[in-house]
Protein backbone atom coordinates (compact mmCIF):
# COMPACT_ATOMS: atom_id res chain seq x y z
CA MET A 1 83.55 -6.62 -57.95
CA THR A 2 79.87 -5.76 -57.50
CA PHE A 3 79.00 -2.08 -57.72
CA ALA A 4 75.21 -1.89 -57.54
CA LEU A 5 73.86 0.49 -54.91
CA SER A 6 77.29 0.79 -53.28
CA ARG A 7 79.08 3.95 -52.29
CA ARG A 8 81.81 3.77 -54.88
CA THR A 9 84.99 5.77 -54.51
CA LEU A 10 84.24 8.57 -56.96
CA LEU A 11 80.54 8.81 -56.59
CA ALA A 12 80.93 9.04 -52.84
CA SER A 13 82.70 12.34 -53.46
CA THR A 14 80.09 13.92 -55.71
CA ALA A 15 76.84 12.16 -54.98
CA ALA A 16 76.73 9.88 -51.95
CA VAL A 17 76.60 12.66 -49.41
CA ALA A 18 74.17 13.96 -46.85
CA LEU A 19 71.12 15.54 -48.42
CA PRO A 20 71.89 19.21 -49.17
CA SER A 21 70.32 21.84 -46.95
CA TRP A 22 68.52 23.43 -49.89
CA LEU A 23 66.77 20.21 -50.91
CA ARG A 24 63.14 20.54 -49.98
CA VAL A 25 61.81 17.16 -48.90
CA PRO A 26 58.00 17.10 -49.02
CA ALA A 27 55.94 15.43 -46.35
CA ALA A 28 55.34 11.71 -46.75
CA PHE A 29 52.38 10.79 -48.95
CA ALA A 30 51.90 14.43 -49.93
CA GLN A 31 52.56 13.85 -53.63
CA THR A 32 49.70 14.73 -55.92
CA LYS A 33 49.31 13.40 -59.43
CA GLY A 34 48.46 15.45 -62.45
CA GLY A 35 49.13 18.88 -63.83
CA THR A 36 51.34 20.42 -66.49
CA LEU A 37 54.85 21.60 -65.61
CA VAL A 38 55.86 24.51 -67.84
CA VAL A 39 59.59 25.08 -68.05
CA ALA A 40 61.82 27.39 -70.07
CA ALA A 41 63.99 26.13 -72.92
CA ASP A 42 66.89 28.23 -74.24
CA THR A 43 67.46 26.43 -77.51
CA GLU A 44 66.07 23.75 -79.79
CA PRO A 45 68.70 21.01 -80.27
CA ARG A 46 69.18 19.71 -83.79
CA SER A 47 68.94 16.20 -82.34
CA LEU A 48 67.09 14.79 -79.34
CA ASN A 49 69.09 11.56 -79.31
CA PRO A 50 71.17 11.51 -76.09
CA ALA A 51 72.82 8.22 -77.11
CA ILE A 52 74.58 10.09 -79.93
CA VAL A 53 74.88 13.60 -78.49
CA ALA A 54 75.64 13.38 -74.78
CA SER A 55 75.14 17.06 -74.00
CA ASN A 56 73.14 18.92 -71.40
CA GLY A 57 71.06 20.73 -74.00
CA VAL A 58 69.87 17.39 -75.38
CA PHE A 59 69.49 15.72 -71.97
CA TYR A 60 67.33 18.57 -70.68
CA VAL A 61 64.45 17.39 -72.87
CA ALA A 62 65.39 13.88 -73.98
CA SER A 63 66.32 12.40 -70.59
CA LYS A 64 62.65 12.36 -69.65
CA VAL A 65 61.98 10.11 -72.67
CA VAL A 66 65.16 8.05 -73.25
CA GLU A 67 66.67 6.47 -70.13
CA PRO A 68 70.23 5.44 -69.24
CA LEU A 69 71.14 2.35 -67.26
CA ALA A 70 71.57 4.31 -64.01
CA GLU A 71 71.40 7.82 -62.58
CA MET A 72 73.41 9.64 -59.94
CA ASP A 73 72.00 9.79 -56.41
CA TYR A 74 72.96 11.88 -53.39
CA GLN A 75 72.64 9.07 -50.87
CA THR A 76 73.60 5.88 -52.70
CA GLY A 77 75.97 7.14 -55.38
CA LEU A 78 74.07 5.54 -58.24
CA ARG A 79 70.39 4.71 -58.58
CA PRO A 80 69.58 1.83 -60.95
CA LEU A 81 67.22 2.61 -63.79
CA LEU A 82 67.17 0.21 -66.74
CA ALA A 83 69.90 -1.76 -64.97
CA ARG A 84 69.06 -3.47 -61.68
CA SER A 85 72.72 -4.07 -60.82
CA TRP A 86 76.12 -4.51 -62.45
CA ASP A 87 79.40 -6.35 -61.85
CA ALA A 88 82.92 -5.74 -63.15
CA SER A 89 85.43 -8.54 -63.56
CA ASP A 90 88.67 -8.24 -61.61
CA ASP A 91 90.72 -8.25 -64.82
CA GLY A 92 88.75 -5.35 -66.34
CA LEU A 93 87.81 -7.32 -69.44
CA SER A 94 84.09 -7.64 -68.80
CA PHE A 95 81.27 -5.65 -67.24
CA THR A 96 78.00 -7.51 -66.61
CA ILE A 97 74.71 -5.62 -66.51
CA HIS A 98 71.61 -7.19 -64.99
CA LEU A 99 68.59 -5.51 -66.58
CA ARG A 100 65.19 -4.63 -65.23
CA GLU A 101 62.35 -6.92 -66.30
CA GLY A 102 58.88 -5.89 -67.42
CA VAL A 103 59.98 -2.70 -69.17
CA THR A 104 58.40 -1.71 -72.48
CA TRP A 105 59.27 0.87 -75.10
CA HIS A 106 56.80 3.67 -75.69
CA ASP A 107 55.55 1.85 -78.82
CA GLY A 108 54.72 -1.23 -76.73
CA GLU A 109 57.67 -3.44 -77.72
CA PRO A 110 59.58 -5.17 -74.88
CA PHE A 111 62.92 -3.79 -73.69
CA THR A 112 65.63 -6.50 -73.74
CA ALA A 113 69.38 -7.01 -73.59
CA ALA A 114 69.44 -6.88 -77.39
CA ASP A 115 68.65 -3.14 -77.14
CA VAL A 116 71.61 -2.59 -74.82
CA ALA A 117 73.95 -4.59 -77.07
CA PHE A 118 72.80 -2.67 -80.14
CA SER A 119 73.14 0.69 -78.41
CA ALA A 120 76.63 -0.11 -77.13
CA MET A 121 78.10 -1.52 -80.32
CA GLU A 122 76.28 0.55 -82.93
CA VAL A 123 75.84 3.88 -81.17
CA TRP A 124 77.85 4.51 -77.99
CA LYS A 125 81.13 3.19 -79.36
CA PRO A 126 81.14 4.48 -82.96
CA LEU A 127 78.87 7.52 -82.85
CA GLN A 128 78.60 9.12 -79.42
CA ASN A 129 80.72 12.19 -78.80
CA LEU A 130 81.97 10.91 -75.41
CA GLY A 131 81.31 7.19 -75.77
CA ARG A 132 83.90 6.97 -78.52
CA VAL A 133 86.48 7.51 -75.77
CA VAL A 134 85.00 5.40 -72.98
CA PHE A 135 83.92 2.45 -75.16
CA LYS A 136 86.74 2.53 -77.71
CA ASP A 137 88.01 -0.91 -76.60
CA LEU A 138 84.58 -2.52 -76.37
CA GLU A 139 84.86 -5.66 -78.48
CA THR A 140 81.44 -7.28 -78.19
CA VAL A 141 78.33 -7.48 -76.03
CA ASP A 142 77.06 -10.94 -75.10
CA THR A 143 73.39 -11.45 -74.28
CA PRO A 144 73.00 -14.88 -72.61
CA ASP A 145 69.36 -14.04 -71.89
CA ASP A 146 66.92 -11.17 -72.40
CA HIS A 147 67.90 -9.45 -69.16
CA THR A 148 71.69 -9.82 -69.09
CA ALA A 149 74.23 -7.90 -71.16
CA ILE A 150 77.96 -8.58 -70.80
CA LEU A 151 80.26 -5.89 -72.17
CA ARG A 152 83.58 -7.47 -73.22
CA PHE A 153 86.66 -5.33 -73.74
CA ALA A 154 89.78 -6.03 -75.79
CA VAL A 155 92.03 -4.49 -73.11
CA PRO A 156 91.49 -3.95 -69.37
CA THR A 157 88.93 -1.19 -68.86
CA PRO A 158 88.30 0.06 -65.31
CA GLY A 159 84.96 -0.93 -63.85
CA GLN A 160 85.15 2.37 -61.98
CA LEU A 161 85.18 4.20 -65.31
CA ILE A 162 82.26 2.27 -66.80
CA GLU A 163 80.21 2.77 -63.65
CA ASN A 164 80.92 6.49 -63.66
CA ALA A 165 79.83 6.62 -67.30
CA LEU A 166 76.43 5.00 -66.68
CA PRO A 167 74.41 8.20 -66.07
CA ALA A 168 75.62 10.27 -69.01
CA LEU A 169 76.80 7.80 -71.65
CA THR A 170 74.42 4.83 -71.60
CA SER A 171 71.11 6.12 -72.96
CA VAL A 172 69.52 3.01 -74.50
CA LEU A 173 67.84 3.10 -77.92
CA PRO A 174 65.24 0.64 -79.27
CA LYS A 175 66.95 -1.73 -81.68
CA HIS A 176 63.74 -2.38 -83.58
CA VAL A 177 63.49 1.34 -84.41
CA TYR A 178 67.13 1.98 -85.31
CA ALA A 179 68.48 -1.30 -86.75
CA ASP A 180 67.58 -0.49 -90.36
CA GLY A 181 68.97 2.54 -92.16
CA ASP A 182 71.27 5.37 -91.18
CA ILE A 183 71.15 5.84 -87.40
CA ALA A 184 72.15 9.50 -87.69
CA GLU A 185 69.22 10.19 -90.04
CA ASN A 186 66.54 8.24 -88.16
CA PRO A 187 63.33 10.27 -87.60
CA ALA A 188 63.35 9.08 -83.97
CA ASN A 189 66.30 11.41 -83.38
CA LEU A 190 63.77 14.25 -83.52
CA GLU A 191 60.77 12.38 -82.06
CA PRO A 192 62.45 9.98 -79.61
CA ILE A 193 61.02 6.65 -78.52
CA GLY A 194 62.23 5.54 -75.10
CA THR A 195 61.34 3.75 -71.90
CA GLY A 196 61.27 6.88 -69.76
CA PRO A 197 58.54 8.36 -67.57
CA PHE A 198 57.36 10.66 -70.36
CA LYS A 199 56.55 10.17 -74.03
CA PHE A 200 57.44 12.62 -76.74
CA ALA A 201 54.21 14.24 -77.99
CA GLU A 202 55.00 17.18 -80.25
CA HIS A 203 57.40 19.97 -81.14
CA LYS A 204 56.37 23.32 -82.60
CA PRO A 205 59.60 25.00 -83.78
CA GLY A 206 60.19 28.31 -82.10
CA GLU A 207 57.36 27.67 -79.62
CA PHE A 208 57.49 24.53 -77.50
CA TYR A 209 58.21 20.84 -76.90
CA ARG A 210 55.49 18.78 -75.21
CA LEU A 211 55.96 15.52 -73.32
CA VAL A 212 53.10 13.44 -71.84
CA ARG A 213 52.93 10.88 -69.05
CA ASN A 214 53.96 7.31 -69.88
CA GLU A 215 51.05 5.36 -68.37
CA ASP A 216 53.04 2.11 -68.64
CA TYR A 217 56.20 3.32 -66.91
CA TRP A 218 58.06 0.56 -65.09
CA GLU A 219 58.21 2.42 -61.75
CA GLU A 220 54.78 1.94 -60.19
CA GLY A 221 52.81 5.10 -59.52
CA LYS A 222 55.14 7.37 -61.50
CA PRO A 223 55.43 9.81 -63.09
CA TYR A 224 53.27 12.23 -61.14
CA LEU A 225 52.93 14.90 -63.83
CA ASP A 226 50.52 14.73 -66.75
CA GLU A 227 52.71 16.78 -69.04
CA ILE A 228 55.95 18.74 -69.32
CA VAL A 229 55.90 21.67 -71.73
CA TYR A 230 59.20 23.34 -72.67
CA ARG A 231 58.51 26.89 -73.83
CA VAL A 232 61.21 28.20 -76.13
CA LEU A 233 62.32 31.49 -74.56
CA PRO A 234 65.80 32.43 -75.80
CA ASP A 235 65.79 35.84 -74.06
CA ALA A 236 67.02 35.64 -70.47
CA SER A 237 65.03 38.66 -69.32
CA ALA A 238 61.87 37.17 -70.77
CA LYS A 239 62.43 34.07 -68.66
CA SER A 240 62.79 36.18 -65.52
CA ALA A 241 59.53 37.94 -66.25
CA ALA A 242 57.75 34.68 -67.07
CA ILE A 243 58.78 33.03 -63.80
CA GLU A 244 57.68 36.10 -61.82
CA THR A 245 54.26 36.23 -63.41
CA GLY A 246 53.72 32.48 -63.21
CA GLU A 247 53.65 31.95 -66.99
CA ILE A 248 56.30 29.30 -66.47
CA ASP A 249 57.05 27.16 -63.44
CA LEU A 250 60.78 26.62 -63.72
CA THR A 251 64.04 27.65 -65.37
CA ALA A 252 67.21 25.56 -65.17
CA PHE A 253 70.89 25.95 -66.05
CA SER A 254 71.07 29.54 -64.73
CA ALA A 255 68.78 30.56 -67.58
CA VAL A 256 67.89 33.88 -65.96
CA PRO A 257 70.54 36.57 -65.47
CA LEU A 258 72.50 36.19 -62.25
CA THR A 259 71.72 39.82 -61.50
CA ASP A 260 68.01 38.88 -61.27
CA LEU A 261 68.42 36.13 -58.69
CA ALA A 262 68.15 38.30 -55.58
CA ARG A 263 64.94 39.91 -56.85
CA LEU A 264 63.47 36.54 -57.83
CA GLU A 265 64.35 35.02 -54.47
CA ALA A 266 62.42 37.86 -52.82
CA THR A 267 59.39 37.27 -55.05
CA ASP A 268 56.45 35.63 -53.33
CA GLY A 269 56.02 32.05 -54.51
CA VAL A 270 59.45 31.81 -56.17
CA THR A 271 62.60 30.11 -54.91
CA VAL A 272 66.19 29.99 -56.14
CA ILE A 273 67.81 26.56 -55.81
CA PRO A 274 71.62 26.37 -56.07
CA GLY A 275 72.04 22.59 -56.25
CA GLY A 276 71.27 19.61 -58.41
CA TYR A 277 74.19 20.17 -60.77
CA GLU A 278 77.14 18.74 -58.84
CA GLY A 279 77.51 15.93 -61.39
CA ILE A 280 77.85 18.38 -64.27
CA THR A 281 80.29 20.98 -62.96
CA TYR A 282 81.74 23.34 -65.58
CA ASP A 283 85.15 24.97 -65.79
CA LEU A 284 85.83 28.35 -67.31
CA THR A 285 89.19 28.06 -69.05
CA VAL A 286 91.59 29.91 -71.30
CA GLU A 287 92.35 27.64 -74.25
CA ILE A 288 95.77 28.27 -75.78
CA ASN A 289 96.96 27.64 -79.35
CA HIS A 290 100.42 26.17 -78.92
CA ARG A 291 101.04 26.58 -82.65
CA ASN A 292 101.73 30.23 -81.86
CA PRO A 293 105.46 30.18 -80.94
CA ILE A 294 104.98 32.91 -78.35
CA LEU A 295 102.27 30.96 -76.51
CA ALA A 296 104.27 27.74 -76.83
CA ASN A 297 106.65 29.26 -74.27
CA VAL A 298 105.55 27.96 -70.85
CA ASP A 299 106.80 31.15 -69.13
CA VAL A 300 104.41 33.18 -71.28
CA ARG A 301 101.56 30.89 -70.26
CA LYS A 302 102.54 31.28 -66.62
CA ALA A 303 102.61 35.04 -67.05
CA ILE A 304 99.08 34.96 -68.48
CA ALA A 305 97.99 32.89 -65.48
CA HIS A 306 99.45 35.44 -63.06
CA ALA A 307 97.80 38.32 -64.94
CA ILE A 308 94.25 37.03 -64.42
CA ASP A 309 92.42 37.60 -61.14
CA ARG A 310 90.25 34.51 -60.66
CA ASN A 311 88.56 36.02 -57.62
CA PHE A 312 87.44 38.98 -59.72
CA ILE A 313 85.78 36.54 -62.13
CA VAL A 314 84.08 34.77 -59.22
CA ASP A 315 82.88 37.93 -57.48
CA VAL A 316 82.06 40.27 -60.37
CA ILE A 317 81.22 38.07 -63.37
CA PHE A 318 79.61 35.16 -61.51
CA LEU A 319 78.37 37.24 -58.54
CA GLY A 320 79.77 34.60 -56.20
CA TYR A 321 78.10 31.64 -57.98
CA ALA A 322 81.49 30.06 -58.78
CA ARG A 323 84.86 29.38 -57.16
CA ALA A 324 88.45 29.72 -58.26
CA ALA A 325 89.76 26.60 -59.97
CA THR A 326 93.10 24.90 -59.50
CA GLY A 327 92.62 22.42 -62.35
CA LEU A 328 90.06 20.69 -64.52
CA VAL A 329 89.08 18.22 -61.83
CA PRO A 330 86.68 20.23 -59.68
CA ALA A 331 87.16 20.38 -55.94
CA SER A 332 83.74 18.76 -55.46
CA ALA A 333 85.10 15.54 -57.01
CA GLU A 334 87.04 14.81 -53.84
CA ALA A 335 88.26 11.32 -54.72
CA PHE A 336 90.05 12.47 -57.89
CA TYR A 337 90.81 16.06 -56.94
CA THR A 338 94.15 17.17 -55.52
CA ASP A 339 95.22 20.61 -54.39
CA ASP A 340 98.87 19.51 -54.37
CA VAL A 341 99.58 21.45 -57.56
CA THR A 342 101.43 24.58 -58.57
CA LEU A 343 99.17 27.62 -58.18
CA TYR A 344 99.41 30.96 -59.96
CA ASP A 345 98.13 33.72 -57.74
CA PHE A 346 97.01 37.04 -59.20
CA ASP A 347 100.32 38.91 -59.46
CA PRO A 348 100.69 41.34 -62.38
CA ALA A 349 104.25 42.19 -61.33
CA ALA A 350 105.24 38.52 -61.55
CA ALA A 351 103.53 38.34 -64.94
CA GLU A 352 105.53 41.33 -66.21
CA ALA A 353 108.79 39.83 -64.93
CA LEU A 354 108.12 36.49 -66.62
CA LEU A 355 107.34 38.20 -69.93
CA ASP A 356 110.54 40.24 -69.72
CA GLU A 357 112.57 37.10 -68.98
CA ALA A 358 110.87 35.26 -71.84
CA GLY A 359 112.20 37.89 -74.26
CA TYR A 360 109.05 39.96 -74.76
CA PRO A 361 109.73 43.42 -73.29
CA ARG A 362 107.28 46.26 -73.71
CA GLY A 363 107.76 48.24 -76.91
CA SER A 364 107.64 52.02 -77.21
CA ASP A 365 103.85 51.82 -77.25
CA GLY A 366 103.81 49.64 -74.15
CA THR A 367 102.85 46.51 -76.09
CA ARG A 368 104.80 43.26 -75.90
CA PHE A 369 102.90 41.28 -78.56
CA SER A 370 99.36 40.84 -79.85
CA VAL A 371 96.94 37.88 -79.70
CA SER A 372 93.39 37.14 -80.75
CA LEU A 373 90.85 35.94 -78.17
CA ARG A 374 87.63 34.07 -78.97
CA PRO A 375 85.15 33.91 -76.05
CA ALA A 376 82.78 30.92 -76.17
CA PRO A 377 79.29 32.21 -76.98
CA TRP A 378 77.37 29.72 -74.81
CA PHE A 379 76.99 31.78 -71.62
CA ASN A 380 76.81 35.46 -70.72
CA GLU A 381 79.60 34.71 -68.25
CA SER A 382 81.94 33.25 -70.87
CA ARG A 383 81.45 36.32 -73.04
CA ALA A 384 82.01 38.62 -70.06
CA ALA A 385 85.13 36.67 -69.12
CA GLY A 386 86.50 37.40 -72.59
CA ASP A 387 86.09 41.13 -71.98
CA TYR A 388 87.81 40.85 -68.60
CA VAL A 389 90.72 38.70 -69.84
CA LYS A 390 91.34 41.21 -72.61
CA GLN A 391 91.63 44.00 -70.05
CA ALA A 392 93.79 41.92 -67.69
CA LEU A 393 96.29 40.99 -70.40
CA GLN A 394 96.46 44.50 -71.79
CA ARG A 395 97.50 45.71 -68.32
CA VAL A 396 100.68 43.61 -68.61
CA GLY A 397 101.40 44.67 -72.18
CA ILE A 398 99.65 41.99 -74.24
CA ALA A 399 97.38 43.51 -76.90
CA VAL A 400 94.18 41.49 -77.38
CA GLU A 401 91.73 41.48 -80.27
CA LEU A 402 88.34 40.02 -79.34
CA VAL A 403 86.80 37.88 -82.08
CA SER A 404 83.16 36.85 -81.68
CA ALA A 405 81.18 34.21 -83.57
CA ASP A 406 77.95 32.26 -83.28
CA PRO A 407 78.21 28.76 -81.76
CA GLY A 408 78.82 27.00 -85.07
CA GLY A 409 81.40 29.52 -86.16
CA HIS A 410 83.19 29.38 -82.82
CA ILE A 411 83.41 25.58 -82.84
CA LYS A 412 84.73 25.56 -86.41
CA ALA A 413 87.29 28.28 -85.77
CA VAL A 414 88.72 26.77 -82.58
CA TYR A 415 88.36 23.02 -83.03
CA THR A 416 88.58 22.54 -86.81
CA ASP A 417 90.43 25.49 -88.34
CA HIS A 418 92.54 26.31 -85.25
CA ASP A 419 91.99 29.97 -86.09
CA PHE A 420 92.66 31.41 -82.65
CA ASP A 421 95.43 32.36 -80.25
CA LEU A 422 93.39 32.26 -77.05
CA ALA A 423 89.80 31.20 -76.47
CA ILE A 424 87.48 31.13 -73.49
CA GLY A 425 86.16 27.57 -73.11
CA THR A 426 83.70 25.89 -70.74
CA PRO A 427 84.45 22.16 -70.53
CA VAL A 428 82.19 20.08 -68.30
CA TRP A 429 83.12 17.52 -65.65
CA ARG A 430 81.22 14.22 -65.99
CA ASN A 431 82.10 12.02 -63.01
CA ASP A 432 85.45 10.67 -64.18
CA PRO A 433 88.62 12.17 -65.73
CA ALA A 434 88.59 9.66 -68.58
CA ILE A 435 85.13 10.84 -69.61
CA SER A 436 85.57 14.57 -69.47
CA THR A 437 89.08 15.75 -68.61
CA THR A 438 91.72 13.69 -70.38
CA VAL A 439 90.36 14.60 -73.82
CA LEU A 440 91.44 18.19 -73.09
CA TYR A 441 95.08 17.12 -72.69
CA GLN A 442 95.53 14.09 -74.93
CA GLY A 443 97.75 14.69 -77.94
CA GLY A 444 97.15 13.46 -81.47
CA LEU A 445 93.38 13.97 -81.61
CA PRO A 446 92.10 14.48 -85.17
CA PRO A 447 90.99 17.98 -86.15
CA GLY A 448 87.32 18.73 -85.78
CA VAL A 449 86.69 17.05 -82.42
CA PRO A 450 84.93 19.79 -80.45
CA PHE A 451 85.60 20.50 -76.78
CA ALA A 452 88.85 18.54 -76.96
CA ASN A 453 92.58 19.19 -77.24
CA GLN A 454 92.86 21.05 -80.54
CA TYR A 455 95.55 23.30 -79.11
CA GLY A 456 98.68 21.71 -80.57
CA TYR A 457 99.74 20.49 -77.13
CA ASP A 458 101.24 17.00 -77.29
CA SER A 459 103.22 15.73 -74.30
CA ALA A 460 104.54 12.16 -74.22
CA GLU A 461 104.45 12.17 -70.42
CA MET A 462 100.86 13.41 -70.35
CA ASN A 463 99.78 10.89 -72.99
CA GLU A 464 101.30 8.05 -70.95
CA LEU A 465 99.39 9.13 -67.84
CA ILE A 466 96.15 9.32 -69.80
CA ALA A 467 96.67 5.84 -71.26
CA ALA A 468 97.51 4.42 -67.84
CA GLY A 469 94.40 5.91 -66.23
CA ALA A 470 92.19 4.48 -68.96
CA SER A 471 93.40 0.91 -68.34
CA GLU A 472 94.18 0.76 -64.60
CA VAL A 473 91.55 -1.42 -62.95
CA ASP A 474 92.52 -0.63 -59.35
CA PRO A 475 90.50 2.45 -58.22
CA ALA A 476 93.15 3.75 -55.81
CA ALA A 477 95.87 3.44 -58.45
CA ARG A 478 93.71 5.36 -60.92
CA VAL A 479 93.26 8.16 -58.41
CA ALA A 480 97.06 8.38 -58.01
CA ILE A 481 97.55 8.51 -61.78
CA TYR A 482 95.12 11.37 -62.15
CA ALA A 483 96.77 13.24 -59.28
CA ASP A 484 100.03 13.04 -61.25
CA MET A 485 98.19 14.27 -64.32
CA GLN A 486 96.84 17.30 -62.44
CA ARG A 487 100.31 18.15 -61.18
CA LEU A 488 101.81 17.89 -64.67
CA ALA A 489 99.01 20.01 -66.14
CA ALA A 490 99.58 22.70 -63.50
CA ASP A 491 103.30 22.81 -64.30
CA GLU A 492 102.98 22.84 -68.09
CA LEU A 493 99.74 24.86 -68.32
CA PRO A 494 98.54 23.56 -71.69
CA LEU A 495 95.38 25.51 -70.87
CA LEU A 496 94.45 27.73 -67.94
CA PRO A 497 91.63 26.75 -65.56
CA LEU A 498 90.07 29.93 -64.16
CA VAL A 499 86.92 29.13 -62.19
CA GLU A 500 84.55 26.21 -61.74
CA PHE A 501 80.82 26.76 -61.67
CA THR A 502 77.52 24.97 -61.70
CA PHE A 503 74.07 26.46 -62.18
CA THR A 504 70.97 27.57 -60.39
CA THR A 505 67.34 26.59 -60.84
CA VAL A 506 64.56 29.12 -60.31
CA ALA A 507 61.16 27.57 -59.65
CA ARG A 508 57.71 28.41 -58.44
CA GLU A 509 57.35 26.99 -54.95
CA ARG A 510 54.58 24.65 -56.03
CA VAL A 511 57.14 22.56 -57.96
CA GLN A 512 58.32 19.76 -55.65
CA ASN A 513 61.32 17.39 -55.70
CA VAL A 514 63.51 19.90 -57.51
CA ALA A 515 67.27 19.26 -57.49
CA ASN A 516 67.07 15.93 -55.66
CA ASN A 517 70.00 14.36 -57.51
CA PRO A 518 73.37 15.67 -58.74
CA ARG A 519 72.25 15.67 -62.40
CA TRP A 520 68.69 16.75 -61.73
CA ALA A 521 68.08 18.95 -64.77
CA THR A 522 69.31 16.15 -67.02
CA SER A 523 67.47 13.32 -65.24
CA GLY A 524 63.99 11.85 -65.82
CA TRP A 525 61.78 13.89 -63.43
CA ALA A 526 59.55 10.88 -62.70
CA ASP A 527 59.20 12.04 -59.08
CA VAL A 528 58.55 15.74 -59.75
CA TRP A 529 55.08 16.87 -58.73
CA LEU A 530 53.03 20.02 -58.37
CA ASP A 531 51.64 21.12 -55.03
CA ALA A 532 48.01 22.02 -55.60
């Protein structure tokens, strides 16, 4: 099966679609070269190695420097980058990648298949947070020549899955830089060396990152920009002011408060762009600790689901920049998504009845039982959702204690120590259930794996579906397996999907080619330019 430049089943649902109405397409030949793009950065990642840490915070900066094999594309599904094309064997045991020729690393060394083999075997499989799932059965990588890499798997591995993993999980590292010493401690993790359109120039902690044009980039005539400067602006209001005054050109990932968007949209020279994130859709969820015997009762979980008004979260907390979720496969992923699942409409009376039937009547003080709730600290909306869920559950007699922590403390409490009853989580969809969704339901995961099933939920039926989806090479059969998984998840409610959301970009109108692919903020920006 040959997948290059084809409209594959999944990608056709999220990427290979008509160009969105908000995508501004500049006039032909209007691109101008030069200039510095100044963008806002929320945080300073502890690592800028996207081959190890496949996260949006790392990609935001590092994807301009370190490239994957392919990127998502609205019209073709996937756009080849370091790979020219790829082929999967019918038996699912091999995946052949045909690499681009004439590519050099930023230090002048040639890019070859040896770099792909090294990255796959030494980084993606053993070290990467998501690659450890996708590439767990990768046995070896053959390199018959400098521009061919053949991934060989010990058990059938769907070509559909590997293709869907190309944008997020295949950032290629230079073997000659990383082969000696501890990969996790390599200085290039902080000052990356890649093949991308921009070179890493400098980082002043607390102030900025600066990237400069790669004059030897493999795509002729690109990039257009001279520099990208990421100004570190943790305060959301400061970012709003900076975009209004023209101190910065762009903010991504809904970095400004949602309440500011209408004012910014009305500001001369500023535009709000709601797309370019379809490939990285988030879910707002209630994570549930099944070690608590009360919450282990499925009727209690159903009652909690009925007690929460998802539309309130959409309208009030997200100001309409979200939609109610039915499961952890977003509706935008049409090929995998099914709405043929049990739904739990907002119905406090039904919630009260279920809690009574489960053996938890209201006491003399009106309280049935008490739980702790930890809202994820990543977004204003996740924190606000914690406040709302507390109020919603208290209305049906469940007392809630909110427990807040910084990001490190929250991750440790929920995913290592299991010190929670309920938590507000924000898992992200990354093109394929086996990459981003199954890890939230799979039983038996070791403690300490963040953003994964650390809830004490372990269903033999669910585990069988997950294993089947990870090895089924027929795309249609995989879709059917994941439909069954969504139905089972909706019936057992191991966690509660509330709403799905993406982000907005706010940019000065002089910034062109914004949001022109479904992972735009985490892509290379080789074709971004500034209108003089």
